[in-house]
Each structure stands twice: as structure tokens, then as C-alpha cells.
N, C-alpha and C. Protein backbone atom coordinates (compact mmCIF):
# COMPACT_ATOMS: atom_id res chain seq x y z
N MET A 1 -99.45 222.05 -23.97
CA MET A 1 -100.61 222.32 -23.13
C MET A 1 -101.42 221.04 -22.94
N THR A 2 -101.78 220.81 -21.73
CA THR A 2 -102.60 219.64 -21.45
C THR A 2 -104.03 219.88 -21.91
N SER A 3 -104.72 218.83 -22.26
CA SER A 3 -106.09 218.96 -22.78
C SER A 3 -107.15 218.88 -21.70
N LEU A 4 -106.77 218.39 -20.52
CA LEU A 4 -107.70 218.25 -19.41
C LEU A 4 -107.16 218.97 -18.19
N ALA A 5 -108.07 219.46 -17.38
CA ALA A 5 -107.71 220.08 -16.10
C ALA A 5 -108.64 219.51 -15.04
N ILE A 6 -108.12 219.25 -13.88
CA ILE A 6 -108.92 218.74 -12.77
C ILE A 6 -109.36 219.93 -11.94
N GLY A 7 -110.68 220.07 -11.80
CA GLY A 7 -111.23 221.20 -11.06
C GLY A 7 -111.23 220.96 -9.56
N PRO A 8 -111.62 221.97 -8.80
CA PRO A 8 -111.66 221.83 -7.34
C PRO A 8 -112.64 220.76 -6.88
N ASP A 9 -113.56 220.38 -7.75
CA ASP A 9 -114.51 219.31 -7.43
C ASP A 9 -114.00 217.94 -7.86
N GLU A 10 -112.71 217.90 -8.31
CA GLU A 10 -112.05 216.66 -8.73
C GLU A 10 -112.54 216.14 -10.09
N ARG A 11 -113.32 216.93 -10.82
CA ARG A 11 -113.79 216.54 -12.15
C ARG A 11 -112.79 216.97 -13.22
N ALA A 12 -112.59 216.08 -14.19
CA ALA A 12 -111.73 216.42 -15.33
C ALA A 12 -112.57 217.19 -16.34
N ARG A 13 -112.04 218.34 -16.78
CA ARG A 13 -112.72 219.20 -17.75
C ARG A 13 -111.76 219.57 -18.87
N CYS A 14 -112.33 220.05 -19.96
CA CYS A 14 -111.52 220.60 -21.04
C CYS A 14 -110.63 221.69 -20.43
N ALA A 15 -109.35 221.66 -20.75
CA ALA A 15 -108.37 222.53 -20.08
C ALA A 15 -108.60 224.01 -20.33
N TRP A 16 -109.33 224.40 -21.40
CA TRP A 16 -109.56 225.82 -21.64
C TRP A 16 -110.33 226.49 -20.51
N VAL A 17 -110.99 225.69 -19.69
CA VAL A 17 -111.76 226.23 -18.57
C VAL A 17 -110.84 226.91 -17.56
N GLY A 18 -109.67 226.35 -17.35
CA GLY A 18 -108.74 226.92 -16.38
C GLY A 18 -109.31 226.92 -14.98
N ASP A 19 -109.00 227.97 -14.23
CA ASP A 19 -109.41 228.07 -12.83
C ASP A 19 -110.60 228.99 -12.62
N ASP A 20 -111.17 229.51 -13.68
CA ASP A 20 -112.24 230.49 -13.57
C ASP A 20 -113.58 229.82 -13.26
N ALA A 21 -114.22 230.22 -12.17
CA ALA A 21 -115.49 229.61 -11.76
C ALA A 21 -116.59 229.82 -12.80
N GLU A 22 -116.63 231.00 -13.43
CA GLU A 22 -117.67 231.25 -14.43
C GLU A 22 -117.44 230.39 -15.67
N TYR A 23 -116.19 230.23 -16.08
CA TYR A 23 -115.89 229.33 -17.20
C TYR A 23 -116.29 227.90 -16.85
N ARG A 24 -116.02 227.47 -15.62
CA ARG A 24 -116.41 226.12 -15.18
C ARG A 24 -117.91 225.94 -15.30
N ARG A 25 -118.67 226.92 -14.79
CA ARG A 25 -120.12 226.83 -14.86
C ARG A 25 -120.58 226.78 -16.31
N TYR A 26 -120.04 227.65 -17.15
CA TYR A 26 -120.41 227.69 -18.56
C TYR A 26 -120.10 226.35 -19.24
N HIS A 27 -118.91 225.84 -19.02
CA HIS A 27 -118.52 224.55 -19.59
C HIS A 27 -119.46 223.44 -19.13
N ASP A 28 -119.75 223.41 -17.83
CA ASP A 28 -120.53 222.32 -17.26
C ASP A 28 -122.02 222.39 -17.61
N GLU A 29 -122.56 223.59 -17.77
CA GLU A 29 -124.00 223.74 -17.92
C GLU A 29 -124.46 224.14 -19.32
N GLU A 30 -123.58 224.76 -20.12
CA GLU A 30 -124.03 225.30 -21.40
C GLU A 30 -123.25 224.79 -22.61
N TRP A 31 -121.94 224.91 -22.56
CA TRP A 31 -121.11 224.67 -23.74
C TRP A 31 -121.28 223.24 -24.24
N GLY A 32 -121.67 223.12 -25.49
CA GLY A 32 -121.83 221.80 -26.08
C GLY A 32 -123.20 221.18 -25.84
N THR A 33 -124.10 221.92 -25.21
CA THR A 33 -125.46 221.43 -24.97
C THR A 33 -126.35 221.94 -26.10
N ALA A 34 -127.14 221.05 -26.68
CA ALA A 34 -128.01 221.42 -27.81
C ALA A 34 -128.89 222.61 -27.44
N LEU A 35 -128.81 223.64 -28.27
CA LEU A 35 -129.57 224.87 -28.06
C LEU A 35 -130.45 225.09 -29.28
N HIS A 36 -131.72 225.27 -29.07
CA HIS A 36 -132.66 225.51 -30.16
C HIS A 36 -133.50 226.76 -29.87
N GLY A 37 -134.12 227.28 -30.90
CA GLY A 37 -135.01 228.43 -30.79
C GLY A 37 -134.38 229.64 -31.45
N ASP A 38 -135.20 230.35 -32.20
CA ASP A 38 -134.69 231.51 -32.93
C ASP A 38 -134.10 232.57 -32.00
N ARG A 39 -134.78 232.88 -30.89
CA ARG A 39 -134.27 233.89 -29.97
C ARG A 39 -132.94 233.46 -29.38
N ALA A 40 -132.86 232.23 -28.90
CA ALA A 40 -131.64 231.72 -28.28
C ALA A 40 -130.48 231.70 -29.28
N LEU A 41 -130.75 231.28 -30.51
CA LEU A 41 -129.69 231.24 -31.51
C LEU A 41 -129.32 232.64 -31.99
N PHE A 42 -130.29 233.54 -32.05
CA PHE A 42 -129.97 234.93 -32.38
C PHE A 42 -129.05 235.52 -31.31
N GLU A 43 -129.34 235.25 -30.04
CA GLU A 43 -128.48 235.73 -28.96
C GLU A 43 -127.07 235.19 -29.13
N LYS A 44 -126.94 233.88 -29.37
CA LYS A 44 -125.61 233.28 -29.55
C LYS A 44 -124.89 233.91 -30.73
N MET A 45 -125.61 234.12 -31.84
CA MET A 45 -125.00 234.74 -33.01
C MET A 45 -124.48 236.13 -32.66
N ALA A 46 -125.29 236.89 -31.95
CA ALA A 46 -124.89 238.25 -31.57
C ALA A 46 -123.69 238.23 -30.64
N LEU A 47 -123.74 237.41 -29.61
CA LEU A 47 -122.64 237.38 -28.64
C LEU A 47 -121.36 236.85 -29.26
N GLU A 48 -121.48 235.83 -30.12
CA GLU A 48 -120.28 235.33 -30.81
C GLU A 48 -119.71 236.43 -31.71
N GLY A 49 -120.57 237.22 -32.34
CA GLY A 49 -120.10 238.33 -33.15
C GLY A 49 -119.38 239.38 -32.32
N PHE A 50 -119.92 239.69 -31.14
CA PHE A 50 -119.25 240.63 -30.25
C PHE A 50 -117.92 240.08 -29.76
N GLN A 51 -117.82 238.76 -29.66
CA GLN A 51 -116.61 238.12 -29.16
C GLN A 51 -115.46 238.22 -30.16
N ALA A 52 -115.75 238.35 -31.44
CA ALA A 52 -114.69 238.36 -32.46
C ALA A 52 -113.54 239.28 -32.06
N GLY A 53 -112.36 238.70 -31.93
CA GLY A 53 -111.19 239.47 -31.54
C GLY A 53 -110.98 239.59 -30.04
N LEU A 54 -111.88 239.05 -29.26
CA LEU A 54 -111.80 239.14 -27.80
C LEU A 54 -111.87 237.74 -27.20
N SER A 55 -111.70 237.64 -25.90
CA SER A 55 -111.84 236.34 -25.25
C SER A 55 -113.31 236.11 -24.88
N TRP A 56 -113.73 234.85 -24.91
CA TRP A 56 -115.12 234.52 -24.60
C TRP A 56 -115.47 234.89 -23.17
N ILE A 57 -114.51 234.79 -22.24
CA ILE A 57 -114.82 235.11 -20.84
C ILE A 57 -115.24 236.57 -20.72
N THR A 58 -114.69 237.44 -21.54
CA THR A 58 -115.08 238.85 -21.52
C THR A 58 -116.57 238.98 -21.84
N ILE A 59 -117.01 238.26 -22.87
CA ILE A 59 -118.42 238.30 -23.27
C ILE A 59 -119.28 237.65 -22.20
N LEU A 60 -118.84 236.53 -21.69
CA LEU A 60 -119.61 235.80 -20.68
C LEU A 60 -119.87 236.67 -19.46
N ARG A 61 -118.87 237.42 -19.04
CA ARG A 61 -119.02 238.29 -17.87
C ARG A 61 -119.93 239.48 -18.16
N LYS A 62 -119.98 239.89 -19.42
CA LYS A 62 -120.83 241.02 -19.80
C LYS A 62 -122.22 240.58 -20.28
N ARG A 63 -122.43 239.27 -20.40
CA ARG A 63 -123.69 238.77 -20.95
C ARG A 63 -124.94 239.29 -20.23
N PRO A 64 -124.97 239.34 -18.90
CA PRO A 64 -126.18 239.89 -18.26
C PRO A 64 -126.52 241.30 -18.73
N ARG A 65 -125.50 242.14 -18.88
CA ARG A 65 -125.75 243.51 -19.34
C ARG A 65 -126.16 243.51 -20.82
N PHE A 66 -125.52 242.68 -21.64
CA PHE A 66 -125.93 242.56 -23.04
C PHE A 66 -127.42 242.21 -23.11
N ARG A 67 -127.83 241.24 -22.31
CA ARG A 67 -129.24 240.83 -22.33
C ARG A 67 -130.16 241.97 -21.92
N GLU A 68 -129.72 242.74 -20.94
CA GLU A 68 -130.53 243.87 -20.46
C GLU A 68 -130.68 244.93 -21.55
N VAL A 69 -129.58 245.35 -22.15
CA VAL A 69 -129.64 246.47 -23.09
C VAL A 69 -130.12 246.06 -24.48
N PHE A 70 -130.09 244.76 -24.79
CA PHE A 70 -130.61 244.28 -26.07
C PHE A 70 -131.96 243.58 -25.89
N ALA A 71 -132.75 244.04 -24.94
CA ALA A 71 -134.13 243.59 -24.74
C ALA A 71 -134.24 242.07 -24.68
N GLY A 72 -133.31 241.44 -23.95
CA GLY A 72 -133.36 239.99 -23.83
C GLY A 72 -133.13 239.28 -25.16
N PHE A 73 -132.56 239.99 -26.11
CA PHE A 73 -132.34 239.49 -27.48
C PHE A 73 -133.65 239.06 -28.14
N ASP A 74 -134.73 239.75 -27.75
CA ASP A 74 -136.01 239.56 -28.44
C ASP A 74 -135.84 240.14 -29.85
N VAL A 75 -135.97 239.27 -30.84
CA VAL A 75 -135.70 239.66 -32.22
C VAL A 75 -136.54 240.87 -32.65
N ALA A 76 -137.83 240.83 -32.38
CA ALA A 76 -138.71 241.92 -32.81
C ALA A 76 -138.32 243.24 -32.15
N ALA A 77 -137.97 243.19 -30.88
CA ALA A 77 -137.58 244.42 -30.17
C ALA A 77 -136.27 244.97 -30.72
N VAL A 78 -135.27 244.12 -30.89
CA VAL A 78 -133.96 244.58 -31.38
C VAL A 78 -134.09 245.10 -32.81
N ALA A 79 -134.94 244.47 -33.60
CA ALA A 79 -135.13 244.91 -34.99
C ALA A 79 -135.68 246.33 -35.06
N GLU A 80 -136.33 246.81 -34.00
CA GLU A 80 -136.88 248.16 -33.96
C GLU A 80 -135.89 249.20 -33.46
N PHE A 81 -134.71 248.78 -33.00
CA PHE A 81 -133.71 249.74 -32.53
C PHE A 81 -133.37 250.69 -33.66
N ASP A 82 -133.11 251.95 -33.28
CA ASP A 82 -132.75 252.96 -34.28
C ASP A 82 -131.42 253.62 -33.88
N GLU A 83 -131.10 254.71 -34.54
CA GLU A 83 -129.81 255.38 -34.30
C GLU A 83 -129.68 255.85 -32.85
N SER A 84 -130.78 256.25 -32.22
CA SER A 84 -130.68 256.67 -30.82
C SER A 84 -130.31 255.48 -29.93
N ASP A 85 -130.77 254.29 -30.28
CA ASP A 85 -130.38 253.10 -29.52
C ASP A 85 -128.90 252.78 -29.74
N VAL A 86 -128.44 252.95 -30.97
CA VAL A 86 -127.02 252.74 -31.23
C VAL A 86 -126.19 253.69 -30.38
N GLU A 87 -126.58 254.96 -30.33
CA GLU A 87 -125.85 255.94 -29.52
C GLU A 87 -125.91 255.58 -28.04
N ARG A 88 -127.07 255.14 -27.57
CA ARG A 88 -127.22 254.72 -26.17
C ARG A 88 -126.28 253.56 -25.87
N LEU A 89 -126.23 252.58 -26.76
CA LEU A 89 -125.39 251.40 -26.56
C LEU A 89 -123.90 251.76 -26.62
N MET A 90 -123.56 252.73 -27.44
CA MET A 90 -122.16 253.16 -27.56
C MET A 90 -121.63 253.80 -26.28
N THR A 91 -122.52 254.24 -25.40
CA THR A 91 -122.08 254.86 -24.15
C THR A 91 -122.15 253.89 -22.97
N ASP A 92 -122.57 252.65 -23.21
CA ASP A 92 -122.76 251.69 -22.13
C ASP A 92 -121.48 250.88 -21.90
N ALA A 93 -120.77 251.18 -20.82
CA ALA A 93 -119.51 250.50 -20.52
C ALA A 93 -119.72 249.03 -20.13
N GLY A 94 -120.96 248.63 -19.92
CA GLY A 94 -121.25 247.25 -19.54
C GLY A 94 -121.22 246.27 -20.69
N ILE A 95 -121.10 246.77 -21.93
CA ILE A 95 -121.04 245.90 -23.10
C ILE A 95 -119.79 246.24 -23.91
N ILE A 96 -119.62 245.58 -25.02
CA ILE A 96 -118.54 245.91 -25.95
C ILE A 96 -119.05 247.05 -26.82
N ARG A 97 -118.41 248.19 -26.73
CA ARG A 97 -118.88 249.38 -27.45
C ARG A 97 -118.20 249.47 -28.81
N ASN A 98 -118.67 248.64 -29.70
CA ASN A 98 -118.15 248.60 -31.07
C ASN A 98 -119.32 248.89 -32.00
N ARG A 99 -119.29 250.03 -32.64
CA ARG A 99 -120.42 250.47 -33.46
C ARG A 99 -120.76 249.44 -34.55
N ALA A 100 -119.76 248.90 -35.22
CA ALA A 100 -120.03 247.95 -36.29
C ALA A 100 -120.74 246.70 -35.76
N LYS A 101 -120.34 246.24 -34.59
CA LYS A 101 -120.96 245.04 -34.01
C LYS A 101 -122.37 245.35 -33.51
N ILE A 102 -122.57 246.52 -32.94
CA ILE A 102 -123.90 246.91 -32.48
C ILE A 102 -124.85 247.03 -33.68
N GLU A 103 -124.40 247.72 -34.72
CA GLU A 103 -125.25 247.87 -35.91
C GLU A 103 -125.51 246.54 -36.59
N ALA A 104 -124.51 245.65 -36.60
CA ALA A 104 -124.71 244.33 -37.19
C ALA A 104 -125.76 243.53 -36.41
N THR A 105 -125.74 243.63 -35.10
CA THR A 105 -126.72 242.92 -34.27
C THR A 105 -128.14 243.40 -34.60
N ILE A 106 -128.30 244.69 -34.73
CA ILE A 106 -129.62 245.25 -35.07
C ILE A 106 -130.03 244.82 -36.48
N ASP A 107 -129.12 244.94 -37.43
CA ASP A 107 -129.43 244.53 -38.81
C ASP A 107 -129.71 243.03 -38.89
N ASN A 108 -128.96 242.23 -38.14
CA ASN A 108 -129.21 240.78 -38.14
C ASN A 108 -130.59 240.48 -37.56
N ALA A 109 -131.01 241.22 -36.55
CA ALA A 109 -132.36 241.04 -36.00
C ALA A 109 -133.41 241.35 -37.05
N ARG A 110 -133.17 242.37 -37.85
CA ARG A 110 -134.12 242.72 -38.91
C ARG A 110 -134.23 241.60 -39.94
N ILE A 111 -133.12 240.93 -40.22
CA ILE A 111 -133.18 239.79 -41.15
C ILE A 111 -133.95 238.64 -40.53
N VAL A 112 -133.66 238.32 -39.28
CA VAL A 112 -134.36 237.22 -38.61
C VAL A 112 -135.85 237.51 -38.54
N ARG A 113 -136.21 238.79 -38.33
CA ARG A 113 -137.63 239.16 -38.24
C ARG A 113 -138.37 238.82 -39.53
N THR A 114 -137.69 238.83 -40.66
CA THR A 114 -138.35 238.52 -41.94
C THR A 114 -138.49 237.01 -42.17
N MET A 115 -137.86 236.22 -41.34
CA MET A 115 -137.89 234.77 -41.50
C MET A 115 -139.11 234.18 -40.79
N ALA A 116 -139.52 233.03 -41.25
CA ALA A 116 -140.63 232.32 -40.59
C ALA A 116 -140.18 231.86 -39.21
N ASP A 117 -141.15 231.69 -38.32
CA ASP A 117 -140.85 231.20 -36.98
C ASP A 117 -140.14 229.85 -37.08
N GLY A 118 -139.00 229.73 -36.43
CA GLY A 118 -138.24 228.49 -36.46
C GLY A 118 -137.27 228.36 -37.62
N GLU A 119 -137.31 229.29 -38.54
CA GLU A 119 -136.47 229.20 -39.74
C GLU A 119 -134.99 229.37 -39.42
N LEU A 120 -134.65 230.29 -38.52
CA LEU A 120 -133.24 230.48 -38.16
C LEU A 120 -132.70 229.20 -37.52
N ASP A 121 -133.46 228.63 -36.61
CA ASP A 121 -133.08 227.38 -35.96
C ASP A 121 -132.86 226.29 -37.01
N GLU A 122 -133.81 226.12 -37.89
CA GLU A 122 -133.71 225.08 -38.91
C GLU A 122 -132.51 225.32 -39.83
N LEU A 123 -132.32 226.57 -40.22
CA LEU A 123 -131.20 226.92 -41.09
C LEU A 123 -129.87 226.59 -40.42
N MET A 124 -129.68 227.08 -39.21
CA MET A 124 -128.39 226.89 -38.55
C MET A 124 -128.11 225.41 -38.28
N TRP A 125 -129.11 224.70 -37.78
CA TRP A 125 -128.90 223.29 -37.46
C TRP A 125 -128.73 222.44 -38.73
N SER A 126 -129.13 222.96 -39.89
CA SER A 126 -128.94 222.18 -41.12
C SER A 126 -127.46 222.02 -41.45
N PHE A 127 -126.60 222.82 -40.83
CA PHE A 127 -125.16 222.74 -41.07
C PHE A 127 -124.44 221.89 -40.03
N ALA A 128 -125.15 221.39 -39.05
CA ALA A 128 -124.52 220.54 -38.03
C ALA A 128 -124.00 219.27 -38.70
N PRO A 129 -122.74 218.95 -38.47
CA PRO A 129 -122.20 217.75 -39.10
C PRO A 129 -122.73 216.48 -38.43
N VAL A 130 -122.57 215.39 -39.12
CA VAL A 130 -122.89 214.09 -38.53
C VAL A 130 -121.96 213.91 -37.33
N PRO A 131 -122.51 213.54 -36.18
CA PRO A 131 -121.64 213.39 -35.01
C PRO A 131 -120.50 212.41 -35.29
N GLY A 132 -119.33 212.81 -34.86
CA GLY A 132 -118.15 211.97 -35.03
C GLY A 132 -117.46 211.75 -33.71
N ALA A 133 -116.25 211.27 -33.79
CA ALA A 133 -115.47 211.03 -32.58
C ALA A 133 -115.12 212.37 -31.93
N ARG A 134 -115.14 212.36 -30.62
CA ARG A 134 -114.72 213.55 -29.89
C ARG A 134 -113.22 213.73 -30.03
N PRO A 135 -112.73 214.96 -29.93
CA PRO A 135 -111.29 215.18 -30.05
C PRO A 135 -110.53 214.55 -28.88
N ALA A 136 -109.37 214.00 -29.19
CA ALA A 136 -108.53 213.42 -28.14
C ALA A 136 -107.81 214.50 -27.36
N THR A 137 -107.43 215.59 -28.06
CA THR A 137 -106.70 216.68 -27.42
C THR A 137 -107.26 218.01 -27.92
N LEU A 138 -106.93 219.07 -27.23
CA LEU A 138 -107.37 220.40 -27.67
C LEU A 138 -106.78 220.75 -29.03
N SER A 139 -105.60 220.24 -29.34
CA SER A 139 -105.00 220.53 -30.64
C SER A 139 -105.75 219.84 -31.78
N ASP A 140 -106.61 218.89 -31.45
CA ASP A 140 -107.44 218.22 -32.47
C ASP A 140 -108.70 219.02 -32.80
N VAL A 141 -108.96 220.10 -32.07
CA VAL A 141 -110.15 220.92 -32.29
C VAL A 141 -109.82 221.96 -33.37
N PRO A 142 -110.54 221.92 -34.48
CA PRO A 142 -110.24 222.87 -35.56
C PRO A 142 -110.85 224.24 -35.27
N PRO A 143 -110.26 225.29 -35.83
CA PRO A 143 -110.86 226.63 -35.68
C PRO A 143 -112.00 226.85 -36.67
N VAL A 144 -111.98 226.10 -37.77
CA VAL A 144 -112.95 226.24 -38.85
C VAL A 144 -113.18 224.86 -39.45
N THR A 145 -114.40 224.61 -39.92
CA THR A 145 -114.70 223.35 -40.60
C THR A 145 -115.43 223.66 -41.91
N PRO A 146 -115.54 222.69 -42.79
CA PRO A 146 -116.35 222.92 -44.00
C PRO A 146 -117.78 223.32 -43.66
N GLU A 147 -118.34 222.75 -42.59
CA GLU A 147 -119.71 223.07 -42.19
C GLU A 147 -119.83 224.50 -41.69
N SER A 148 -118.85 224.96 -40.89
CA SER A 148 -118.93 226.34 -40.39
C SER A 148 -118.70 227.33 -41.53
N THR A 149 -117.89 226.94 -42.49
CA THR A 149 -117.68 227.79 -43.67
C THR A 149 -118.95 227.87 -44.50
N ALA A 150 -119.62 226.74 -44.66
CA ALA A 150 -120.88 226.73 -45.43
C ALA A 150 -121.96 227.53 -44.71
N MET A 151 -122.04 227.41 -43.38
CA MET A 151 -123.01 228.19 -42.61
C MET A 151 -122.73 229.68 -42.78
N SER A 152 -121.48 230.05 -42.63
CA SER A 152 -121.08 231.45 -42.77
C SER A 152 -121.45 231.98 -44.15
N THR A 153 -121.14 231.20 -45.17
CA THR A 153 -121.43 231.62 -46.55
C THR A 153 -122.92 231.86 -46.76
N GLU A 154 -123.74 230.94 -46.25
CA GLU A 154 -125.19 231.09 -46.43
C GLU A 154 -125.73 232.27 -45.63
N LEU A 155 -125.26 232.43 -44.40
CA LEU A 155 -125.73 233.56 -43.60
C LEU A 155 -125.32 234.89 -44.24
N ARG A 156 -124.10 234.96 -44.73
CA ARG A 156 -123.65 236.18 -45.40
C ARG A 156 -124.46 236.43 -46.68
N ARG A 157 -124.78 235.36 -47.39
CA ARG A 157 -125.59 235.51 -48.60
C ARG A 157 -126.93 236.15 -48.27
N ARG A 158 -127.44 235.84 -47.09
CA ARG A 158 -128.72 236.38 -46.65
C ARG A 158 -128.59 237.78 -46.04
N GLY A 159 -127.36 238.28 -45.91
CA GLY A 159 -127.14 239.63 -45.41
C GLY A 159 -126.64 239.73 -43.98
N PHE A 160 -126.49 238.61 -43.30
CA PHE A 160 -126.00 238.65 -41.92
C PHE A 160 -124.54 239.11 -41.90
N ARG A 161 -124.16 239.76 -40.79
CA ARG A 161 -122.79 240.22 -40.61
C ARG A 161 -122.20 239.70 -39.31
N PHE A 162 -120.88 239.71 -39.23
CA PHE A 162 -120.14 239.16 -38.10
C PHE A 162 -120.47 237.68 -37.89
N VAL A 163 -120.49 236.97 -38.99
CA VAL A 163 -120.81 235.54 -38.98
C VAL A 163 -119.75 234.77 -39.78
N GLY A 164 -118.48 235.12 -39.57
CA GLY A 164 -117.40 234.44 -40.28
C GLY A 164 -117.29 232.98 -39.90
N PRO A 165 -116.53 232.20 -40.66
CA PRO A 165 -116.43 230.76 -40.42
C PRO A 165 -115.89 230.39 -39.04
N THR A 166 -114.94 231.15 -38.52
CA THR A 166 -114.42 230.85 -37.19
C THR A 166 -115.47 231.18 -36.13
N THR A 167 -116.13 232.29 -36.29
CA THR A 167 -117.20 232.69 -35.36
C THR A 167 -118.33 231.66 -35.39
N MET A 168 -118.67 231.18 -36.57
CA MET A 168 -119.75 230.20 -36.68
C MET A 168 -119.33 228.84 -36.13
N TYR A 169 -118.03 228.52 -36.20
CA TYR A 169 -117.60 227.26 -35.57
C TYR A 169 -117.71 227.37 -34.06
N ALA A 170 -117.34 228.52 -33.51
CA ALA A 170 -117.51 228.72 -32.06
C ALA A 170 -118.97 228.60 -31.67
N LEU A 171 -119.87 229.14 -32.50
CA LEU A 171 -121.31 229.01 -32.25
C LEU A 171 -121.71 227.54 -32.31
N MET A 172 -121.20 226.80 -33.28
CA MET A 172 -121.54 225.37 -33.41
C MET A 172 -121.09 224.60 -32.16
N GLN A 173 -119.94 224.94 -31.62
CA GLN A 173 -119.46 224.30 -30.40
C GLN A 173 -120.36 224.64 -29.21
N SER A 174 -120.64 225.92 -29.06
CA SER A 174 -121.38 226.36 -27.87
C SER A 174 -122.82 225.89 -27.88
N THR A 175 -123.39 225.69 -29.07
CA THR A 175 -124.80 225.29 -29.15
C THR A 175 -124.99 223.78 -29.31
N GLY A 176 -123.91 223.02 -29.20
CA GLY A 176 -124.02 221.57 -29.27
C GLY A 176 -124.16 221.00 -30.66
N MET A 177 -123.96 221.82 -31.69
CA MET A 177 -124.00 221.29 -33.05
C MET A 177 -122.83 220.35 -33.30
N VAL A 178 -121.74 220.58 -32.56
CA VAL A 178 -120.60 219.68 -32.54
C VAL A 178 -120.24 219.42 -31.08
N ASP A 179 -119.61 218.28 -30.82
CA ASP A 179 -119.18 217.95 -29.46
C ASP A 179 -117.66 217.99 -29.43
N ASP A 180 -117.12 219.09 -28.93
CA ASP A 180 -115.67 219.23 -28.84
C ASP A 180 -115.16 219.10 -27.41
N HIS A 181 -115.95 218.47 -26.53
CA HIS A 181 -115.42 218.12 -25.21
C HIS A 181 -114.38 217.03 -25.46
N VAL A 182 -113.15 217.26 -25.00
CA VAL A 182 -112.09 216.30 -25.28
C VAL A 182 -112.34 214.98 -24.52
N ILE A 183 -111.78 213.92 -25.06
CA ILE A 183 -111.90 212.61 -24.43
C ILE A 183 -111.35 212.71 -23.01
N GLY A 184 -112.11 212.21 -22.07
CA GLY A 184 -111.73 212.27 -20.65
C GLY A 184 -112.47 213.34 -19.89
N CYS A 185 -113.05 214.31 -20.60
CA CYS A 185 -113.84 215.35 -19.94
C CYS A 185 -115.11 214.72 -19.39
N TRP A 186 -115.47 215.09 -18.18
CA TRP A 186 -116.65 214.48 -17.56
C TRP A 186 -117.93 214.73 -18.34
N ARG A 187 -117.95 215.77 -19.18
CA ARG A 187 -119.16 216.07 -19.96
C ARG A 187 -119.35 215.11 -21.14
N GLY A 188 -118.35 214.33 -21.44
CA GLY A 188 -118.42 213.45 -22.61
C GLY A 188 -119.27 212.24 -22.45
């Protein structure tokens, strides 16, 4: 598999983007861009958790509905969700209807609500590795790193769920904690 793909605009991008316009937009505007703020990182944590076992494009296409039904991922609002909200979400075909993931998102919001303002951001970014060389090829991109494993371990210790090491590495990539744009990608 090639590591770069040339888009219709003649730009070289990471090949995982393929021909999908939404993936192109996500790659060009979001993926690998530093993201801060407890609400924004809570949203990423939730969406990455929903993604477990699925393709990211599935989540990306459903993200507007996720934002709508999860109150814009406002931590305080989601932390107040109860069993009736779980049942409501389980009937919504616009999201991933997985009870364990829905309940984990609500429980994770309750944990974040107990944290000081900015604490989730500080905690997550404390695991960002020292910037290194960008990968030469997609095969050089690891699925898990010592940092994502350490982040996962600490989050789990605090009671968070659906925060495994692979999921946390995907979060680190998407939030710019690591730069996995391959060499030659225009975003580099």
C-alpha cells in the first residue's frame, strides 16, 4: 500500500484518506491539529470510544447527530443523563446504538465533572510524547505506544471506560499530540 495519495486538488495526502471528500476535509482541517479544552477532549474521547471496532468514517459521518443527542458533548449536561436518556439514545439510528458505549460516555462525563476546569486537558496532554520524526510510511505508524498505554492506564485507574491503548493512540493522533502525517503529506 502506498503511503501517499494525490487528491483531486493535486495535493499529496496520507493515503488512508482515499477518495472520500469528508475524510479529505477531516485530514486537512482537523486530524493532527492541536486540540485543547475539556469539552473538546471529552468529545474526542467519547467518539473514539464509539469508534472501537468500527471505521472512523462511520463516526465522522454520524458526528453531527452524536453532537445533537449528546448535548454538544457539554460535560455537565451529559453527566446528568439518566436511564431514560440511555433508552432514548438506544433508539436513535443516527448514532452507534451500543449500550455499553453510551453508558460509558455518560459515566465518563460524570468523572470529568468531578475534575477541576482544565484538568482533563492537562492530564491528557501530559502523555504527549516529545515530538519526533514524522513517519516515512503508513507502516511506520504504530497502533499503540508507551505513551498511549500510560494514558489508558491512568484514565482507567480514574474509572474511565472505552479508553484502551489503541483508542487513546487514535485520540493522540487526531488531537495533534503526535504528528503521524507521513513524510510528503502537504500537512507536514
